[in-house]
Amino acid sequence: MKRVLIVDDEFGIVEALSDVLGEEGYAVSTARNGREALKRFGEVKPDLILVDYMMPVMDGLQFIAELRQIDTQCPVVLMTAVKRDQLPPALKVAEVLQKPFGVDQLLEVVQKLVG
């Protein structure tokens, strides 16, 4: 069973993504910000991380920078309303999911990255 870590401070989004991915057979863990996600990463060793861009405590970009210091392999999908060309060019993510995105788009990206 593939493990997905969802990192977002909006409860409704976390709940919806957890439900969708859980129904597809993924083991889902969650975190409310980047700092919590770094701790959870060490605990669950996810196969994929879905992370929101804008969060309190530690945002998505800070999380990705910290994560890449300890792991360079785990694919990360950044979820954001910010346009791709407004993000840092050296952003180390597998995909950017532009908000709002649909269930089909989410599942397509997840399946492409972890099966």
PDB file of N, CA and C in Angstrom:
ATOM      1  N   MET A   1       0.840  -1.178   0.000  1.00  0.00           N
ATOM      2  CA  MET A   1       0.000   0.000   0.000  1.00  0.00           C
ATOM      3  C   MET A   1       0.888   1.244   0.000  1.00  0.00           C
ATOM      4  N   LYS A   2       0.664   2.133  -0.943  1.00  0.00           N
ATOM      5  CA  LYS A   2       1.445   3.369  -1.050  1.00  0.00           C
ATOM      6  C   LYS A   2       0.972   4.374  -0.006  1.00  0.00           C
ATOM      7  N   ARG A   3       1.935   5.103   0.562  1.00  0.00           N
ATOM      8  CA  ARG A   3       1.646   6.075   1.618  1.00  0.00           C
ATOM      9  C   ARG A   3       1.744   7.497   1.069  1.00  0.00           C
ATOM     10  N   VAL A   4       0.715   8.303   1.377  1.00  0.00           N
ATOM     11  CA  VAL A   4       0.673   9.696   0.940  1.00  0.00           C
ATOM     12  C   VAL A   4       0.560  10.587   2.169  1.00  0.00           C
ATOM     13  N   LEU A   5       1.410  11.611   2.225  1.00  0.00           N
ATOM     14  CA  LEU A   5       1.356  12.608   3.288  1.00  0.00           C
ATOM     15  C   LEU A   5       0.729  13.863   2.711  1.00  0.00           C
ATOM     16  N   ILE A   6      -0.367  14.309   3.323  1.00  0.00           N
ATOM     17  CA  ILE A   6      -1.057  15.530   2.903  1.00  0.00           C
ATOM     18  C   ILE A   6      -0.733  16.619   3.909  1.00  0.00           C
ATOM     19  N   VAL A   7      -0.219  17.741   3.410  1.00  0.00           N
ATOM     20  CA  VAL A   7       0.170  18.851   4.274  1.00  0.00           C
ATOM     21  C   VAL A   7      -0.622  20.086   3.872  1.00  0.00           C
ATOM     22  N   ASP A   8      -1.563  20.479   4.716  1.00  0.00           N
ATOM     23  CA  ASP A   8      -2.412  21.636   4.431  1.00  0.00           C
ATOM     24  C   ASP A   8      -3.031  22.108   5.730  1.00  0.00           C
ATOM     25  N   ASP A   9      -3.187  23.412   5.878  1.00  0.00           N
ATOM     26  CA  ASP A   9      -3.769  23.964   7.102  1.00  0.00           C
ATOM     27  C   ASP A   9      -5.287  24.078   7.034  1.00  0.00           C
ATOM     28  N   GLU A  10      -5.869  23.812   5.876  1.00  0.00           N
ATOM     29  CA  GLU A  10      -7.337  23.889   5.734  1.00  0.00           C
ATOM     30  C   GLU A  10      -7.942  22.500   5.941  1.00  0.00           C
ATOM     31  N   PHE A  11      -8.670  22.361   7.047  1.00  0.00           N
ATOM     32  CA  PHE A  11      -9.239  21.073   7.439  1.00  0.00           C
ATOM     33  C   PHE A  11     -10.089  20.453   6.335  1.00  0.00           C
ATOM     34  N   GLY A  12     -10.927  21.246   5.689  1.00  0.00           N
ATOM     35  CA  GLY A  12     -11.816  20.726   4.649  1.00  0.00           C
ATOM     36  C   GLY A  12     -11.063  20.115   3.483  1.00  0.00           C
ATOM     37  N   ILE A  13      -9.966  20.745   3.097  1.00  0.00           N
ATOM     38  CA  ILE A  13      -9.152  20.216   2.001  1.00  0.00           C
ATOM     39  C   ILE A  13      -8.490  18.912   2.415  1.00  0.00           C
ATOM     40  N   VAL A  14      -7.932  18.898   3.621  1.00  0.00           N
ATOM     41  CA  VAL A  14      -7.284  17.680   4.123  1.00  0.00           C
ATOM     42  C   VAL A  14      -8.286  16.539   4.181  1.00  0.00           C
ATOM     43  N   GLU A  15      -9.470  16.819   4.693  1.00  0.00           N
ATOM     44  CA  GLU A  15     -10.503  15.784   4.816  1.00  0.00           C
ATOM     45  C   GLU A  15     -10.916  15.259   3.437  1.00  0.00           C
ATOM     46  N   ALA A  16     -11.146  16.163   2.489  1.00  0.00           N
ATOM     47  CA  ALA A  16     -11.573  15.758   1.149  1.00  0.00           C
ATOM     48  C   ALA A  16     -10.488  14.927   0.450  1.00  0.00           C
ATOM     49  N   LEU A  17      -9.241  15.396   0.495  1.00  0.00           N
ATOM     50  CA  LEU A  17      -8.151  14.661  -0.144  1.00  0.00           C
ATOM     51  C   LEU A  17      -7.936  13.308   0.527  1.00  0.00           C
ATOM     52  N   SER A  18      -8.023  13.282   1.852  1.00  0.00           N
ATOM     53  CA  SER A  18      -7.869  12.022   2.590  1.00  0.00           C
ATOM     54  C   SER A  18      -8.929  11.019   2.184  1.00  0.00           C
ATOM     55  N   ASP A  19     -10.177  11.474   2.081  1.00  0.00           N
ATOM     56  CA  ASP A  19     -11.276  10.593   1.691  1.00  0.00           C
ATOM     57  C   ASP A  19     -11.063  10.025   0.289  1.00  0.00           C
ATOM     58  N   VAL A  20     -10.741  10.892  -0.656  1.00  0.00           N
ATOM     59  CA  VAL A  20     -10.555  10.464  -2.046  1.00  0.00           C
ATOM     60  C   VAL A  20      -9.410   9.462  -2.153  1.00  0.00           C
ATOM     61  N   LEU A  21      -8.271   9.806  -1.562  1.00  0.00           N
ATOM     62  CA  LEU A  21      -7.104   8.920  -1.680  1.00  0.00           C
ATOM     63  C   LEU A  21      -7.289   7.634  -0.879  1.00  0.00           C
ATOM     64  N   GLY A  22      -7.951   7.723   0.266  1.00  0.00           N
ATOM     65  CA  GLY A  22      -8.243   6.532   1.059  1.00  0.00           C
ATOM     66  C   GLY A  22      -9.124   5.558   0.297  1.00  0.00           C
ATOM     67  N   GLU A  23     -10.127   6.086  -0.408  1.00  0.00           N
ATOM     68  CA  GLU A  23     -11.022   5.237  -1.205  1.00  0.00           C
ATOM     69  C   GLU A  23     -10.278   4.577  -2.361  1.00  0.00           C
ATOM     70  N   GLU A  24      -9.192   5.197  -2.809  1.00  0.00           N
ATOM     71  CA  GLU A  24      -8.392   4.629  -3.907  1.00  0.00           C
ATOM     72  C   GLU A  24      -7.347   3.635  -3.401  1.00  0.00           C
ATOM     73  N   GLY A  25      -7.301   3.428  -2.082  1.00  0.00           N
ATOM     74  CA  GLY A  25      -6.404   2.428  -1.531  1.00  0.00           C
ATOM     75  C   GLY A  25      -5.073   2.942  -1.012  1.00  0.00           C
ATOM     76  N   TYR A  26      -4.926   4.250  -0.902  1.00  0.00           N
ATOM     77  CA  TYR A  26      -3.689   4.809  -0.366  1.00  0.00           C
ATOM     78  C   TYR A  26      -3.791   4.942   1.147  1.00  0.00           C
ATOM     79  N   ALA A  27      -2.672   4.745   1.833  1.00  0.00           N
ATOM     80  CA  ALA A  27      -2.596   5.004   3.270  1.00  0.00           C
ATOM     81  C   ALA A  27      -2.256   6.484   3.426  1.00  0.00           C
ATOM     82  N   VAL A  28      -3.117   7.233   4.098  1.00  0.00           N
ATOM     83  CA  VAL A  28      -2.983   8.679   4.174  1.00  0.00           C
ATOM     84  C   VAL A  28      -2.598   9.121   5.579  1.00  0.00           C
ATOM     85  N   SER A  29      -1.592  10.009   5.642  1.00  0.00           N
ATOM     86  CA  SER A  29      -1.221  10.701   6.869  1.00  0.00           C
ATOM     87  C   SER A  29      -1.357  12.187   6.592  1.00  0.00           C
ATOM     88  N   THR A  30      -1.526  12.983   7.643  1.00  0.00           N
ATOM     89  CA  THR A  30      -1.729  14.414   7.446  1.00  0.00           C
ATOM     90  C   THR A  30      -0.871  15.236   8.394  1.00  0.00           C
ATOM     91  N   ALA A  31      -0.652  16.485   8.005  1.00  0.00           N
ATOM     92  CA  ALA A  31       0.034  17.472   8.833  1.00  0.00           C
ATOM     93  C   ALA A  31      -0.574  18.835   8.517  1.00  0.00           C
ATOM     94  N   ARG A  32      -0.558  19.732   9.497  1.00  0.00           N
ATOM     95  CA  ARG A  32      -1.187  21.048   9.324  1.00  0.00           C
ATOM     96  C   ARG A  32      -0.233  22.140   8.862  1.00  0.00           C
ATOM     97  N   ASN A  33       1.070  21.872   8.886  1.00  0.00           N
ATOM     98  CA  ASN A  33       2.048  22.856   8.427  1.00  0.00           C
ATOM     99  C   ASN A  33       3.352  22.121   8.130  1.00  0.00           C
ATOM    100  N   GLY A  34       4.307  22.848   7.578  1.00  0.00           N
ATOM    101  CA  GLY A  34       5.565  22.231   7.182  1.00  0.00           C
ATOM    102  C   GLY A  34       6.356  21.644   8.332  1.00  0.00           C
ATOM    103  N   ARG A  35       6.364  22.319   9.456  1.00  0.00           N
ATOM    104  CA  ARG A  35       7.126  21.809  10.600  1.00  0.00           C
ATOM    105  C   ARG A  35       6.567  20.472  11.067  1.00  0.00           C
ATOM    106  N   GLU A  36       5.245  20.407  11.184  1.00  0.00           N
ATOM    107  CA  GLU A  36       4.598  19.147  11.570  1.00  0.00           C
ATOM    108  C   GLU A  36       4.849  18.073  10.510  1.00  0.00           C
ATOM    109  N   ALA A  37       4.873  18.478   9.251  1.00  0.00           N
ATOM    110  CA  ALA A  37       5.088  17.529   8.151  1.00  0.00           C
ATOM    111  C   ALA A  37       6.488  16.924   8.188  1.00  0.00           C
ATOM    112  N   LEU A  38       7.487  17.709   8.561  1.00  0.00           N
ATOM    113  CA  LEU A  38       8.846  17.166   8.666  1.00  0.00           C
ATOM    114  C   LEU A  38       8.906  16.072   9.718  1.00  0.00           C
ATOM    115  N   LYS A  39       8.229  16.290  10.831  1.00  0.00           N
ATOM    116  CA  LYS A  39       8.169  15.271  11.887  1.00  0.00           C
ATOM    117  C   LYS A  39       7.441  14.025  11.371  1.00  0.00           C
ATOM    118  N   ARG A  40       6.288  14.242  10.744  1.00  0.00           N
ATOM    119  CA  ARG A  40       5.487  13.136  10.230  1.00  0.00           C
ATOM    120  C   ARG A  40       6.241  12.370   9.150  1.00  0.00           C
ATOM    121  N   PHE A  41       7.013  13.081   8.324  1.00  0.00           N
ATOM    122  CA  PHE A  41       7.793  12.431   7.273  1.00  0.00           C
ATOM    123  C   PHE A  41       8.699  11.348   7.854  1.00  0.00           C
ATOM    124  N   GLY A  42       9.376  11.668   8.943  1.00  0.00           N
ATOM    125  CA  GLY A  42      10.250  10.698   9.583  1.00  0.00           C
ATOM    126  C   GLY A  42       9.510   9.515  10.169  1.00  0.00           C
ATOM    127  N   GLU A  43       8.259   9.728  10.556  1.00  0.00           N
ATOM    128  CA  GLU A  43       7.454   8.666  11.164  1.00  0.00           C
ATOM    129  C   GLU A  43       6.844   7.716  10.132  1.00  0.00           C
ATOM    130  N   VAL A  44       6.334   8.261   9.031  1.00  0.00           N
ATOM    131  CA  VAL A  44       5.549   7.443   8.099  1.00  0.00           C
ATOM    132  C   VAL A  44       6.275   7.078   6.807  1.00  0.00           C
ATOM    133  N   LYS A  45       7.386   7.744   6.505  1.00  0.00           N
ATOM    134  CA  LYS A  45       8.139   7.469   5.273  1.00  0.00           C
ATOM    135  C   LYS A  45       7.206   7.382   4.056  1.00  0.00           C
ATOM    136  N   PRO A  46       6.577   8.508   3.697  1.00  0.00           N
ATOM    137  CA  PRO A  46       5.601   8.482   2.595  1.00  0.00           C
ATOM    138  C   PRO A  46       6.249   8.215   1.235  1.00  0.00           C
ATOM    139  N   ASP A  47       5.426   7.728   0.326  1.00  0.00           N
ATOM    140  CA  ASP A  47       5.845   7.528  -1.061  1.00  0.00           C
ATOM    141  C   ASP A  47       5.603   8.783  -1.892  1.00  0.00           C
ATOM    142  N   LEU A  48       4.749   9.672  -1.368  1.00  0.00           N
ATOM    143  CA  LEU A  48       4.380  10.910  -2.057  1.00  0.00           C
ATOM    144  C   LEU A  48       3.923  11.924  -1.021  1.00  0.00           C
ATOM    145  N   ILE A  49       4.222  13.197  -1.284  1.00  0.00           N
ATOM    146  CA  ILE A  49       3.772  14.277  -0.408  1.00  0.00           C
ATOM    147  C   ILE A  49       2.983  15.281  -1.241  1.00  0.00           C
ATOM    148  N   LEU A  50       1.785  15.617  -0.767  1.00  0.00           N
ATOM    149  CA  LEU A  50       0.976  16.701  -1.335  1.00  0.00           C
ATOM    150  C   LEU A  50       1.067  17.848  -0.341  1.00  0.00           C
ATOM    151  N   VAL A  51       1.602  18.979  -0.749  1.00  0.00           N
ATOM    152  CA  VAL A  51       1.807  20.081   0.188  1.00  0.00           C
ATOM    153  C   VAL A  51       1.228  21.389  -0.355  1.00  0.00           C
ATOM    154  N   ASP A  52       0.537  22.089   0.527  1.00  0.00           N
ATOM    155  CA  ASP A  52      -0.012  23.398   0.194  1.00  0.00           C
ATOM    156  C   ASP A  52       1.119  24.424   0.200  1.00  0.00           C
ATOM    157  N   TYR A  53       0.968  25.457  -0.579  1.00  0.00           N
ATOM    158  CA  TYR A  53       1.976  26.505  -0.656  1.00  0.00           C
ATOM    159  C   TYR A  53       1.911  27.430   0.557  1.00  0.00           C
ATOM    160  N   MET A  54       0.714  27.965   0.835  1.00  0.00           N
ATOM    161  CA  MET A  54       0.574  28.969   1.887  1.00  0.00           C
ATOM    162  C   MET A  54      -0.003  28.349   3.155  1.00  0.00           C
ATOM    163  N   MET A  55       0.841  28.305   4.212  1.00  0.00           N
ATOM    164  CA  MET A  55       0.445  27.755   5.511  1.00  0.00           C
ATOM    165  C   MET A  55       1.160  28.540   6.605  1.00  0.00           C
ATOM    166  N   PRO A  56       0.603  28.544   7.812  1.00  0.00           N
ATOM    167  CA  PRO A  56       1.296  29.178   8.931  1.00  0.00           C
ATOM    168  C   PRO A  56       2.456  28.298   9.425  1.00  0.00           C
ATOM    169  N   VAL A  57       3.262  28.829  10.289  1.00  0.00           N
ATOM    170  CA  VAL A  57       4.400  28.173  10.944  1.00  0.00           C
ATOM    171  C   VAL A  57       5.529  27.920   9.942  1.00  0.00           C
ATOM    172  N   MET A  58       5.296  27.062   8.956  1.00  0.00           N
ATOM    173  CA  MET A  58       6.272  26.807   7.892  1.00  0.00           C
ATOM    174  C   MET A  58       5.499  26.547   6.608  1.00  0.00           C
ATOM    175  N   ASP A  59       5.703  27.411   5.598  1.00  0.00           N
ATOM    176  CA  ASP A  59       4.925  27.257   4.361  1.00  0.00           C
ATOM    177  C   ASP A  59       5.494  26.132   3.492  1.00  0.00           C
ATOM    178  N   GLY A  60       4.833  25.901   2.376  1.00  0.00           N
ATOM    179  CA  GLY A  60       5.210  24.798   1.502  1.00  0.00           C
ATOM    180  C   GLY A  60       6.615  24.906   0.935  1.00  0.00           C
ATOM    181  N   LEU A  61       7.021  26.120   0.548  1.00  0.00           N
ATOM    182  CA  LEU A  61       8.355  26.289  -0.020  1.00  0.00           C
ATOM    183  C   LEU A  61       9.441  26.043   1.027  1.00  0.00           C
ATOM    184  N   GLN A  62       9.229  26.524   2.246  1.00  0.00           N
ATOM    185  CA  GLN A  62      10.182  26.271   3.328  1.00  0.00           C
ATOM    186  C   GLN A  62      10.249  24.772   3.626  1.00  0.00           C
ATOM    187  N   PHE A  63       9.082  24.124   3.651  1.00  0.00           N
ATOM    188  CA  PHE A  63       9.042  22.685   3.895  1.00  0.00           C
ATOM    189  C   PHE A  63       9.848  21.926   2.838  1.00  0.00           C
ATOM    190  N   ILE A  64       9.634  22.273   1.579  1.00  0.00           N
ATOM    191  CA  ILE A  64      10.332  21.579   0.493  1.00  0.00           C
ATOM    192  C   ILE A  64      11.843  21.773   0.625  1.00  0.00           C
ATOM    193  N   ALA A  65      12.264  22.989   0.935  1.00  0.00           N
ATOM    194  CA  ALA A  65      13.699  23.254   1.105  1.00  0.00           C
ATOM    195  C   ALA A  65      14.286  22.409   2.241  1.00  0.00           C
ATOM    196  N   GLU A  66      13.575  22.333   3.360  1.00  0.00           N
ATOM    197  CA  GLU A  66      14.043  21.535   4.509  1.00  0.00           C
ATOM    198  C   GLU A  66      14.029  20.037   4.172  1.00  0.00           C
ATOM    199  N   LEU A  67      12.962  19.601   3.516  1.00  0.00           N
ATOM    200  CA  LEU A  67      12.834  18.193   3.149  1.00  0.00           C
ATOM    201  C   LEU A  67      13.988  17.768   2.249  1.00  0.00           C
ATOM    202  N   ARG A  68      14.329  18.595   1.272  1.00  0.00           N
ATOM    203  CA  ARG A  68      15.373  18.236   0.307  1.00  0.00           C
ATOM    204  C   ARG A  68      16.744  18.124   0.955  1.00  0.00           C
ATOM    205  N   GLN A  69      16.909  18.656   2.149  1.00  0.00           N
ATOM    206  CA  GLN A  69      18.173  18.490   2.873  1.00  0.00           C
ATOM    207  C   GLN A  69      18.275  17.092   3.483  1.00  0.00           C
ATOM    208  N   ILE A  70      17.112  16.446   3.724  1.00  0.00           N
ATOM    209  CA  ILE A  70      17.127  15.108   4.320  1.00  0.00           C
ATOM    210  C   ILE A  70      16.693  14.011   3.358  1.00  0.00           C
ATOM    211  N   ASP A  71      15.987  14.388   2.276  1.00  0.00           N
ATOM    212  CA  ASP A  71      15.517  13.406   1.297  1.00  0.00           C
ATOM    213  C   ASP A  71      15.391  14.080  -0.064  1.00  0.00           C
ATOM    214  N   THR A  72      16.029  13.512  -1.047  1.00  0.00           N
ATOM    215  CA  THR A  72      15.960  14.086  -2.392  1.00  0.00           C
ATOM    216  C   THR A  72      15.101  13.264  -3.335  1.00  0.00           C
ATOM    217  N   GLN A  73      14.594  12.122  -2.865  1.00  0.00           N
ATOM    218  CA  GLN A  73      13.893  11.191  -3.742  1.00  0.00           C
ATOM    219  C   GLN A  73      12.368  11.263  -3.678  1.00  0.00           C
ATOM    220  N   CYS A  74      11.806  11.514  -2.506  1.00  0.00           N
ATOM    221  CA  CYS A  74      10.351  11.474  -2.346  1.00  0.00           C
ATOM    222  C   CYS A  74       9.688  12.534  -3.222  1.00  0.00           C
ATOM    223  N   PRO A  75       8.781  12.124  -4.122  1.00  0.00           N
ATOM    224  CA  PRO A  75       8.112  13.108  -4.967  1.00  0.00           C
ATOM    225  C   PRO A  75       7.187  14.007  -4.151  1.00  0.00           C
ATOM    226  N   VAL A  76       7.219  15.300  -4.502  1.00  0.00           N
ATOM    227  CA  VAL A  76       6.392  16.303  -3.843  1.00  0.00           C
ATOM    228  C   VAL A  76       5.521  16.973  -4.891  1.00  0.00           C
ATOM    229  N   VAL A  77       4.233  17.123  -4.555  1.00  0.00           N
ATOM    230  CA  VAL A  77       3.297  17.850  -5.396  1.00  0.00           C
ATOM    231  C   VAL A  77       2.895  19.098  -4.629  1.00  0.00           C
ATOM    232  N   LEU A  78       3.160  20.262  -5.204  1.00  0.00           N
ATOM    233  CA  LEU A  78       2.787  21.529  -4.587  1.00  0.00           C
ATOM    234  C   LEU A  78       1.383  21.903  -5.037  1.00  0.00           C
ATOM    235  N   MET A  79       0.508  22.160  -4.066  1.00  0.00           N
ATOM    236  CA  MET A  79      -0.861  22.586  -4.354  1.00  0.00           C
ATOM    237  C   MET A  79      -0.940  24.087  -4.090  1.00  0.00           C
ATOM    238  N   THR A  80      -1.320  24.861  -5.118  1.00  0.00           N
ATOM    239  CA  THR A  80      -1.299  26.310  -4.965  1.00  0.00           C
ATOM    240  C   THR A  80      -2.211  27.020  -5.952  1.00  0.00           C
ATOM    241  N   ALA A  81      -2.654  28.204  -5.547  1.00  0.00           N
ATOM    242  CA  ALA A  81      -3.398  29.078  -6.452  1.00  0.00           C
ATOM    243  C   ALA A  81      -2.443  30.030  -7.169  1.00  0.00           C
ATOM    244  N   VAL A  82      -1.191  30.067  -6.721  1.00  0.00           N
ATOM    245  CA  VAL A  82      -0.173  30.910  -7.344  1.00  0.00           C
ATOM    246  C   VAL A  82       0.171  30.332  -8.720  1.00  0.00           C
ATOM    247  N   LYS A  83       0.282  31.197  -9.705  1.00  0.00           N
ATOM    248  CA  LYS A  83       0.618  30.760 -11.057  1.00  0.00           C
ATOM    249  C   LYS A  83       2.027  30.173 -11.094  1.00  0.00           C
ATOM    250  N   ARG A  84       2.214  29.144 -11.903  1.00  0.00           N
ATOM    251  CA  ARG A  84       3.491  28.431 -11.997  1.00  0.00           C
ATOM    252  C   ARG A  84       4.660  29.382 -12.279  1.00  0.00           C
ATOM    253  N   ASP A  85       4.451  30.371 -13.161  1.00  0.00           N
ATOM    254  CA  ASP A  85       5.545  31.278 -13.506  1.00  0.00           C
ATOM    255  C   ASP A  85       5.886  32.264 -12.387  1.00  0.00           C
ATOM    256  N   GLN A  86       5.086  32.285 -11.321  1.00  0.00           N
ATOM    257  CA  GLN A  86       5.363  33.143 -10.174  1.00  0.00           C
ATOM    258  C   GLN A  86       6.060  32.368  -9.051  1.00  0.00           C
ATOM    259  N   LEU A  87       6.280  31.084  -9.252  1.00  0.00           N
ATOM    260  CA  LEU A  87       6.978  30.253  -8.273  1.00  0.00           C
ATOM    261  C   LEU A  87       8.473  30.265  -8.582  1.00  0.00           C
ATOM    262  N   PRO A  88       9.315  29.980  -7.583  1.00  0.00           N
ATOM    263  CA  PRO A  88      10.760  29.947  -7.833  1.00  0.00           C
ATOM    264  C   PRO A  88      11.106  28.949  -8.938  1.00  0.00           C
ATOM    265  N   PRO A  89      11.967  29.321  -9.871  1.00  0.00           N
ATOM    266  CA  PRO A  89      12.295  28.423 -10.989  1.00  0.00           C
ATOM    267  C   PRO A  89      13.007  27.139 -10.554  1.00  0.00           C
ATOM    268  N   ALA A  90      13.727  27.183  -9.449  1.00  0.00           N
ATOM    269  CA  ALA A  90      14.476  26.001  -8.997  1.00  0.00           C
ATOM    270  C   ALA A  90      13.672  25.147  -8.022  1.00  0.00           C
ATOM    271  N   LEU A  91      12.366  25.320  -8.019  1.00  0.00           N
ATOM    272  CA  LEU A  91      11.489  24.580  -7.116  1.00  0.00           C
ATOM    273  C   LEU A  91      11.614  23.081  -7.382  1.00  0.00           C
ATOM    274  N   LYS A  92      11.940  22.324  -6.340  1.00  0.00           N
ATOM    275  CA  LYS A  92      12.196  20.889  -6.504  1.00  0.00           C
ATOM    276  C   LYS A  92      10.946  20.074  -6.198  1.00  0.00           C
ATOM    277  N   VAL A  93       9.991  20.133  -7.147  1.00  0.00           N
ATOM    278  CA  VAL A  93       8.755  19.369  -7.011  1.00  0.00           C
ATOM    279  C   VAL A  93       8.524  18.558  -8.279  1.00  0.00           C
ATOM    280  N   ALA A  94       7.781  17.464  -8.110  1.00  0.00           N
ATOM    281  CA  ALA A  94       7.461  16.614  -9.256  1.00  0.00           C
ATOM    282  C   ALA A  94       6.349  17.230 -10.101  1.00  0.00           C
ATOM    283  N   GLU A  95       5.402  17.887  -9.421  1.00  0.00           N
ATOM    284  CA  GLU A  95       4.244  18.475 -10.103  1.00  0.00           C
ATOM    285  C   GLU A  95       3.750  19.679  -9.313  1.00  0.00           C
ATOM    286  N   VAL A  96       3.030  20.555 -10.003  1.00  0.00           N
ATOM    287  CA  VAL A  96       2.289  21.639  -9.353  1.00  0.00           C
ATOM    288  C   VAL A  96       0.829  21.437  -9.717  1.00  0.00           C
ATOM    289  N   LEU A  97      -0.020  21.299  -8.702  1.00  0.00           N
ATOM    290  CA  LEU A  97      -1.467  21.210  -8.917  1.00  0.00           C
ATOM    291  C   LEU A  97      -2.035  22.597  -8.674  1.00  0.00           C
ATOM    292  N   GLN A  98      -2.563  23.170  -9.751  1.00  0.00           N
ATOM    293  CA  GLN A  98      -3.122  24.522  -9.674  1.00  0.00           C
ATOM    294  C   GLN A  98      -4.502  24.470  -9.039  1.00  0.00           C
ATOM    295  N   LYS A  99      -4.687  25.196  -7.929  1.00  0.00           N
ATOM    296  CA  LYS A  99      -5.998  25.251  -7.265  1.00  0.00           C
ATOM    297  C   LYS A  99      -6.893  26.212  -8.032  1.00  0.00           C
ATOM    298  N   PRO A 100      -8.162  25.915  -8.142  1.00  0.00           N
ATOM    299  CA  PRO A 100      -8.811  24.678  -7.694  1.00  0.00           C
ATOM    300  C   PRO A 100      -8.583  23.565  -8.716  1.00  0.00           C
ATOM    301  N   PHE A 101      -8.403  22.361  -8.220  1.00  0.00           N
ATOM    302  CA  PHE A 101      -8.218  21.217  -9.102  1.00  0.00           C
ATOM    303  C   PHE A 101      -9.299  20.183  -8.798  1.00  0.00           C
ATOM    304  N   GLY A 102      -9.569  19.336  -9.765  1.00  0.00           N
ATOM    305  CA  GLY A 102     -10.605  18.329  -9.609  1.00  0.00           C
ATOM    306  C   GLY A 102     -10.045  16.997  -9.138  1.00  0.00           C
ATOM    307  N   VAL A 103     -10.942  16.112  -8.735  1.00  0.00           N
ATOM    308  CA  VAL A 103     -10.564  14.785  -8.257  1.00  0.00           C
ATOM    309  C   VAL A 103      -9.826  14.017  -9.342  1.00  0.00           C
ATOM    310  N   ASP A 104     -10.310  14.084 -10.562  1.00  0.00           N
ATOM    311  CA  ASP A 104      -9.657  13.354 -11.658  1.00  0.00           C
ATOM    312  C   ASP A 104      -8.221  13.831 -11.865  1.00  0.00           C
ATOM    313  N   GLN A 105      -8.023  15.136 -11.799  1.00  0.00           N
ATOM    314  CA  GLN A 105      -6.683  15.692 -11.972  1.00  0.00           C
ATOM    315  C   GLN A 105      -5.767  15.231 -10.835  1.00  0.00           C
ATOM    316  N   LEU A 106      -6.278  15.252  -9.602  1.00  0.00           N
ATOM    317  CA  LEU A 106      -5.513  14.784  -8.446  1.00  0.00           C
ATOM    318  C   LEU A 106      -5.102  13.332  -8.623  1.00  0.00           C
ATOM    319  N   LEU A 107      -6.069  12.485  -8.936  1.00  0.00           N
ATOM    320  CA  LEU A 107      -5.787  11.054  -9.072  1.00  0.00           C
ATOM    321  C   LEU A 107      -4.823  10.770 -10.214  1.00  0.00           C
ATOM    322  N   GLU A 108      -4.936  11.510 -11.292  1.00  0.00           N
ATOM    323  CA  GLU A 108      -4.018  11.338 -12.426  1.00  0.00           C
ATOM    324  C   GLU A 108      -2.580  11.610 -11.997  1.00  0.00           C
ATOM    325  N   VAL A 109      -2.377  12.700 -11.257  1.00  0.00           N
ATOM    326  CA  VAL A 109      -1.037  13.052 -10.798  1.00  0.00           C
ATOM    327  C   VAL A 109      -0.504  12.028  -9.802  1.00  0.00           C
ATOM    328  N   VAL A 110      -1.326  11.640  -8.839  1.00  0.00           N
ATOM    329  CA  VAL A 110      -0.901  10.672  -7.827  1.00  0.00           C
ATOM    330  C   VAL A 110      -0.555   9.336  -8.477  1.00  0.00           C
ATOM    331  N   GLN A 111      -1.414   8.860  -9.362  1.00  0.00           N
ATOM    332  CA  GLN A 111      -1.164   7.571 -10.023  1.00  0.00           C
ATOM    333  C   GLN A 111       0.084   7.620 -10.902  1.00  0.00           C
ATOM    334  N   LYS A 112       0.309   8.748 -11.549  1.00  0.00           N
ATOM    335  CA  LYS A 112       1.496   8.902 -12.388  1.00  0.00           C
ATOM    336  C   LYS A 112       2.772   8.821 -11.547  1.00  0.00           C
ATOM    337  N   LEU A 113       2.730   9.389 -10.342  1.00  0.00           N
ATOM    338  CA  LEU A 113       3.933   9.470  -9.523  1.00  0.00           C
ATOM    339  C   LEU A 113       4.194   8.237  -8.665  1.00  0.00           C
ATOM    340  N   VAL A 114       3.125   7.590  -8.176  1.00  0.00           N
ATOM    341  CA  VAL A 114       3.347   6.431  -7.290  1.00  0.00           C
ATOM    342  C   VAL A 114       2.559   5.187  -7.656  1.00  0.00           C
ATOM    343  N   GLY A 115       1.741   5.271  -8.687  1.00  0.00           N
ATOM    344  CA  GLY A 115       0.992   4.085  -9.112  1.00  0.00           C
ATOM    345  C   GLY A 115      -0.263   3.830  -8.312  1.00  0.00           C
TER     346      GLY A 115
END
